Amino acid sequence: MRWEDREQSSNVEDRRRDPHSGGGGRGMPSMGTLMFLWPFIQRLLKTKFGWAIIAVGAVAYFSGFNPLSSVMGGNSSKVNNSAADDRQAAFISTVLHDTEEVWKDIYKQHGATYREPKMVLYRGQTKSGCGFASAQMGPFYCPADQKVYLDLGFFDELSKKHNATGDFAQAYVLAHEIGHHIQNMEGTLSKVQKMKQQARGNVGANQLQVRVELQADCYAGVWAHHAHKRFNILEQGDVEEALRAASAIGDDTLQKQAQGYVVPDAFTHGSSAQRVEWFRKGIKSGDIASCNTGL
């Protein structure tokens, strides 16, 4: 996917290094570290220059840079990982900008105004308008605060655990969550919530949720259709990357991996074949009217 040196969205809350989110940042140095450094600290405390060094080091430490790494043998892999993580954040922020531009155009054509959602990037855990968010939950959209929550570690899992590699596979994931934002704006999510309350048991509620998810897949395809027309983003193999991702996270595939057999009544997102089918519909037509899953 062509994305480098292009505009990124400003609607990003980066909590990856926020110590209160559980996803990074720096707390107090360990007791072992303090004991190791105490002889050096004692000497520094005896002079004004030493106090200045301590102050600068403290500011640097709590800003995310570890001045102790040169003393204690810094780990270059952490630096590389941080750089890779920042590159990942830049990529997904660029994709978010593309979704904003595409959906603004689509809404404008229908005489409406698109409300841009926020995207929260985090590592490990954080708080959302829908409650506690953790890496184990995967990416999700919260209608209460109109934000997409994304632990970047999910993309590692998508690649290593589900063999869904490639940057456009990741773009599909975000586009799917933005699809839920479209559903929220259109009143679909609140409508389905009422229908679930009237449904008979979990099976009926699950079937409704599958329709919601498949429509979001279709909306992701609609976005890809228009994004390529406008920004020429697609390279050879990109569509196949998205289709592999859609297939890899189908309910039947995930159930087989987890328990060795499939329980269709427990589906909440749709089978691999269904997810691929609805993404194809969206990317082929570029028309939101083609995304009618019966809701």
Protein backbone atom coordinates (compact mmCIF):
# COMPACT_ATOMS: atom_id res chain seq x y z
CA MET A 1 0.00 0.00 0.00
CA ARG A 2 1.29 3.44 -0.92
CA TRP A 3 1.21 5.53 2.23
CA GLU A 4 4.59 7.10 3.03
CA ASP A 5 5.06 10.88 2.95
CA ARG A 6 1.33 11.45 2.96
CA GLU A 7 -0.89 13.34 5.37
CA GLN A 8 -1.75 11.77 8.71
CA SER A 9 -4.91 12.31 10.71
CA SER A 10 -4.92 14.74 13.60
CA ASN A 11 -7.71 12.74 15.31
CA VAL A 12 -5.28 10.44 17.11
CA GLU A 13 -4.85 9.99 20.85
CA ASP A 14 -1.51 8.29 21.33
CA ARG A 15 -1.50 6.57 24.72
CA ARG A 16 1.24 4.05 23.95
CA ARG A 17 3.61 5.66 26.44
CA ASP A 18 1.01 6.78 28.95
CA PRO A 19 1.91 5.16 32.30
CA HIS A 20 -1.71 5.45 33.44
CA SER A 21 -2.94 3.40 30.48
CA GLY A 22 -0.78 0.41 31.30
CA GLY A 23 0.64 0.53 27.82
CA GLY A 24 4.02 2.10 28.30
CA GLY A 25 5.62 5.17 29.75
CA ARG A 26 8.01 5.27 32.66
CA GLY A 27 7.37 4.91 36.35
CA MET A 28 9.95 5.10 39.13
CA PRO A 29 13.27 3.29 38.60
CA SER A 30 13.54 -0.04 40.37
CA MET A 31 15.16 -0.36 43.82
CA GLY A 32 17.98 -2.36 42.28
CA THR A 33 18.71 0.42 39.80
CA LEU A 34 18.72 3.04 42.57
CA MET A 35 21.10 0.97 44.72
CA PHE A 36 23.45 0.51 41.76
CA LEU A 37 23.48 4.25 41.04
CA TRP A 38 23.54 5.51 44.64
CA PRO A 39 27.34 6.03 44.86
CA PHE A 40 27.22 8.17 41.71
CA ILE A 41 24.15 10.08 42.93
CA GLN A 42 25.89 10.85 46.26
CA ARG A 43 28.78 12.48 44.44
CA LEU A 44 26.46 14.52 42.22
CA LEU A 45 24.48 15.78 45.21
CA LYS A 46 27.60 17.53 46.58
CA THR A 47 27.75 20.12 43.78
CA LYS A 48 25.34 22.47 42.00
CA PHE A 49 26.48 21.06 38.68
CA GLY A 50 25.66 17.59 39.96
CA TRP A 51 22.16 18.71 40.94
CA ALA A 52 21.71 20.10 37.41
CA ILE A 53 22.72 16.76 35.88
CA ILE A 54 20.21 14.92 38.10
CA ALA A 55 17.44 17.35 37.13
CA VAL A 56 18.12 16.98 33.40
CA GLY A 57 18.29 13.19 33.73
CA ALA A 58 14.99 13.07 35.61
CA VAL A 59 13.22 15.17 32.98
CA ALA A 60 14.61 12.98 30.19
CA TYR A 61 13.65 9.77 31.99
CA PHE A 62 10.02 10.71 32.55
CA SER A 63 9.77 12.04 28.99
CA GLY A 64 10.44 8.55 27.67
CA PHE A 65 14.23 8.59 27.12
CA ASN A 66 16.35 6.44 29.40
CA PRO A 67 19.62 8.24 30.18
CA LEU A 68 20.71 5.19 32.19
CA SER A 69 20.96 3.01 29.09
CA SER A 70 24.53 4.17 28.33
CA VAL A 71 25.57 3.43 31.91
CA MET A 72 23.88 0.06 32.26
CA GLY A 73 24.28 -1.22 28.72
CA GLY A 74 21.40 0.03 26.58
CA ASN A 75 19.35 -2.46 24.58
CA SER A 76 19.44 -1.45 20.91
CA SER A 77 16.55 -3.79 20.11
CA LYS A 78 14.28 -1.64 22.29
CA VAL A 79 15.25 1.40 20.24
CA ASN A 80 14.55 -0.48 17.04
CA ASN A 81 11.24 -1.73 18.38
CA SER A 82 10.28 1.80 19.36
CA ALA A 83 11.13 3.04 15.88
CA ALA A 84 9.09 0.24 14.32
CA ASP A 85 6.20 1.03 16.65
CA ASP A 86 6.30 4.71 15.67
CA ARG A 87 6.34 3.75 12.00
CA GLN A 88 3.31 1.54 12.61
CA ALA A 89 1.52 4.44 14.31
CA ALA A 90 2.36 6.75 11.39
CA PHE A 91 0.98 4.21 8.93
CA ILE A 92 -2.32 3.65 10.70
CA SER A 93 -2.72 7.41 11.24
CA THR A 94 -2.32 7.87 7.47
CA VAL A 95 -5.01 5.26 6.86
CA LEU A 96 -7.30 7.06 9.31
CA HIS A 97 -6.82 10.28 7.32
CA ASP A 98 -7.76 8.42 4.13
CA THR A 99 -10.98 7.17 5.75
CA GLU A 100 -11.82 10.71 6.81
CA GLU A 101 -11.40 12.09 3.30
CA VAL A 102 -13.35 9.29 1.63
CA TRP A 103 -16.29 9.31 4.01
CA LYS A 104 -16.48 13.11 4.01
CA ASP A 105 -16.87 12.95 0.23
CA ILE A 106 -19.49 10.20 0.36
CA TYR A 107 -21.54 12.02 2.99
CA LYS A 108 -21.25 15.28 1.07
CA GLN A 109 -22.64 13.59 -2.03
CA HIS A 110 -25.66 12.58 0.04
CA GLY A 111 -26.11 16.09 1.45
CA ALA A 112 -24.86 15.17 4.90
CA THR A 113 -21.85 15.91 7.11
CA TYR A 114 -19.40 13.28 8.26
CA ARG A 115 -18.30 13.41 11.91
CA GLU A 116 -14.71 12.30 12.21
CA PRO A 117 -14.08 9.76 14.98
CA LYS A 118 -10.98 9.64 17.17
CA MET A 119 -8.51 6.78 17.15
CA VAL A 120 -6.82 5.78 20.42
CA LEU A 121 -3.48 3.97 20.10
CA TYR A 122 -2.32 2.12 23.17
CA ARG A 123 -0.23 -0.78 24.41
CA GLY A 124 -1.50 -3.25 26.96
CA GLN A 125 -4.57 -1.61 28.44
CA THR A 126 -6.45 1.67 28.67
CA LYS A 127 -9.85 3.14 29.53
CA SER A 128 -12.63 3.72 27.02
CA GLY A 129 -16.13 5.16 27.06
CA CYS A 130 -17.32 1.55 26.87
CA GLY A 131 -15.25 0.37 29.83
CA PHE A 132 -11.84 -1.22 30.24
CA ALA A 133 -9.87 -1.93 27.05
CA SER A 134 -7.11 -4.50 26.80
CA ALA A 135 -4.94 -5.99 24.08
CA GLN A 136 -6.83 -9.30 24.37
CA MET A 137 -10.03 -7.62 23.18
CA GLY A 138 -8.60 -6.67 19.79
CA PRO A 139 -9.52 -3.45 17.97
CA PHE A 140 -13.01 -2.12 18.66
CA TYR A 141 -15.24 0.91 18.17
CA CYS A 142 -16.96 2.50 21.15
CA PRO A 143 -20.23 4.28 20.24
CA ALA A 144 -20.34 6.05 23.62
CA ASP A 145 -17.28 8.22 22.89
CA GLN A 146 -17.06 7.65 19.11
CA LYS A 147 -13.51 6.37 19.26
CA VAL A 148 -11.68 3.43 17.75
CA TYR A 149 -9.38 1.67 20.24
CA LEU A 150 -6.37 -0.06 18.77
CA ASP A 151 -3.53 -1.86 20.49
CA LEU A 152 -0.81 -1.97 17.86
CA GLY A 153 0.22 -5.40 19.12
CA PHE A 154 -2.87 -6.78 17.39
CA PHE A 155 -1.13 -6.40 14.05
CA ASP A 156 1.72 -8.60 15.27
CA GLU A 157 -0.83 -11.24 16.23
CA LEU A 158 -2.64 -10.86 12.91
CA SER A 159 0.59 -11.58 11.08
CA LYS A 160 2.18 -14.25 13.28
CA LYS A 161 -0.84 -16.11 14.63
CA HIS A 162 -3.25 -15.77 11.71
CA ASN A 163 -0.77 -15.49 8.84
CA ALA A 164 -2.48 -12.34 7.59
CA THR A 165 0.52 -10.23 6.65
CA GLY A 166 0.81 -6.93 4.81
CA ASP A 167 -0.01 -3.31 5.44
CA PHE A 168 -3.32 -3.41 3.59
CA ALA A 169 -4.50 -6.21 5.86
CA GLN A 170 -3.99 -3.73 8.71
CA ALA A 171 -5.75 -0.98 6.77
CA TYR A 172 -8.73 -3.29 6.35
CA VAL A 173 -8.93 -3.79 10.10
CA LEU A 174 -9.15 -0.06 10.76
CA ALA A 175 -11.57 0.48 7.87
CA HIS A 176 -13.84 -2.17 9.40
CA GLU A 177 -13.90 -0.33 12.74
CA ILE A 178 -14.63 2.94 10.94
CA GLY A 179 -17.51 1.03 9.35
CA HIS A 180 -18.98 0.69 12.84
CA HIS A 181 -18.68 4.46 13.22
CA ILE A 182 -20.74 4.84 10.03
CA GLN A 183 -23.33 2.48 11.53
CA ASN A 184 -23.39 4.57 14.67
CA MET A 185 -23.96 7.75 12.69
CA GLU A 186 -26.72 6.10 10.68
CA GLY A 187 -28.47 4.86 13.82
CA THR A 188 -27.88 1.21 12.89
CA LEU A 189 -26.12 0.28 16.12
CA SER A 190 -28.87 1.64 18.37
CA LYS A 191 -31.51 0.01 16.17
CA VAL A 192 -29.78 -3.38 16.41
CA GLN A 193 -29.40 -3.02 20.17
CA LYS A 194 -33.18 -2.70 20.50
CA MET A 195 -33.67 -5.67 18.17
CA LYS A 196 -31.31 -7.75 20.32
CA GLN A 197 -33.40 -7.04 23.39
CA GLN A 198 -36.42 -8.48 21.58
CA ALA A 199 -34.51 -11.43 20.12
CA ARG A 200 -35.03 -14.95 21.40
CA GLY A 201 -31.95 -15.95 23.33
CA ASN A 202 -28.31 -15.61 22.41
CA VAL A 203 -28.68 -17.22 19.01
CA GLY A 204 -30.97 -14.49 17.71
CA ALA A 205 -28.74 -11.77 19.15
CA ASN A 206 -25.66 -13.39 17.60
CA GLN A 207 -27.30 -13.50 14.18
CA LEU A 208 -28.03 -9.79 14.39
CA GLN A 209 -24.44 -9.06 15.40
CA VAL A 210 -23.15 -11.07 12.42
CA ARG A 211 -25.15 -8.79 10.12
CA VAL A 212 -23.62 -5.76 11.82
CA GLU A 213 -20.09 -7.07 11.33
CA LEU A 214 -20.60 -8.10 7.72
CA GLN A 215 -21.97 -4.67 6.91
CA ALA A 216 -18.86 -3.13 8.47
CA ASP A 217 -16.76 -5.40 6.24
CA CYS A 218 -18.68 -4.13 3.24
CA TYR A 219 -18.18 -0.52 4.31
CA ALA A 220 -14.44 -1.27 4.55
CA GLY A 221 -14.59 -2.40 0.94
CA VAL A 222 -16.45 0.76 -0.08
CA TRP A 223 -13.70 2.81 1.53
CA ALA A 224 -10.97 0.85 -0.28
CA HIS A 225 -12.75 1.39 -3.62
CA HIS A 226 -12.85 5.18 -3.24
CA ALA A 227 -9.49 5.51 -1.49
CA HIS A 228 -7.75 3.89 -4.43
CA LYS A 229 -9.57 6.13 -6.89
CA ARG A 230 -8.60 9.23 -4.96
CA PHE A 231 -5.13 8.42 -3.61
CA ASN A 232 -3.97 5.52 -5.83
CA ILE A 233 -3.08 3.54 -2.71
CA LEU A 234 -3.35 -0.04 -3.94
CA GLU A 235 -0.35 -2.04 -5.06
CA GLN A 236 -0.24 -5.54 -6.46
CA GLY A 237 -1.36 -8.05 -3.84
CA ASP A 238 -3.00 -5.50 -1.51
CA VAL A 239 -6.58 -6.67 -2.06
CA GLU A 240 -5.48 -10.25 -1.49
CA GLU A 241 -3.93 -9.15 1.83
CA ALA A 242 -7.26 -7.75 2.97
CA LEU A 243 -9.12 -10.85 1.83
CA ARG A 244 -6.70 -13.09 3.73
CA ALA A 245 -7.21 -11.00 6.84
CA ALA A 246 -11.01 -11.17 6.48
CA SER A 247 -10.79 -14.93 6.06
CA ALA A 248 -8.31 -15.40 8.92
CA ILE A 249 -10.62 -13.76 11.48
CA GLY A 250 -13.84 -15.46 10.38
CA ASP A 251 -15.71 -17.17 13.22
CA ASP A 252 -15.42 -20.66 11.75
CA THR A 253 -11.67 -20.34 11.26
CA LEU A 254 -11.12 -18.99 14.77
CA GLN A 255 -13.33 -21.66 16.34
CA LYS A 256 -11.47 -24.43 14.54
CA GLN A 257 -8.17 -23.06 15.78
CA ALA A 258 -9.40 -22.69 19.35
CA GLN A 259 -11.49 -25.84 19.85
CA GLY A 260 -11.20 -27.97 16.74
CA TYR A 261 -14.84 -27.71 15.67
CA VAL A 262 -17.38 -25.09 14.54
CA VAL A 263 -20.54 -23.88 16.29
CA PRO A 264 -22.45 -21.66 13.80
CA ASP A 265 -24.98 -20.54 16.43
CA ALA A 266 -22.11 -18.94 18.33
CA PHE A 267 -20.94 -16.85 15.36
CA THR A 268 -20.78 -13.12 16.09
CA HIS A 269 -18.78 -11.85 13.10
CA GLY A 270 -19.59 -14.23 10.27
CA SER A 271 -17.76 -17.08 8.60
CA SER A 272 -14.55 -16.56 6.65
CA ALA A 273 -16.43 -16.95 3.37
CA GLN A 274 -19.06 -14.41 4.42
CA ARG A 275 -16.51 -11.82 5.49
CA VAL A 276 -14.62 -12.17 2.22
CA GLU A 277 -17.88 -11.98 0.24
CA TRP A 278 -19.06 -8.75 1.85
CA PHE A 279 -15.69 -7.03 1.59
CA ARG A 280 -15.64 -7.96 -2.09
CA LYS A 281 -19.10 -6.47 -2.57
CA GLY A 282 -18.01 -3.15 -1.13
CA ILE A 283 -14.73 -2.84 -2.99
CA LYS A 284 -16.31 -3.88 -6.29
CA SER A 285 -19.29 -1.52 -6.18
CA GLY A 286 -18.04 1.40 -4.07
CA ASP A 287 -21.70 1.90 -3.20
CA ILE A 288 -22.97 1.85 0.39
CA ALA A 289 -26.35 0.65 -0.96
CA SER A 290 -24.67 -2.68 -1.76
CA CYS A 291 -24.00 -3.17 1.96
CA ASN A 292 -27.55 -4.07 2.93
CA THR A 293 -27.22 -7.12 5.18
CA GLY A 294 -30.85 -7.03 6.22
CA LEU A 295 -30.62 -4.63 9.15
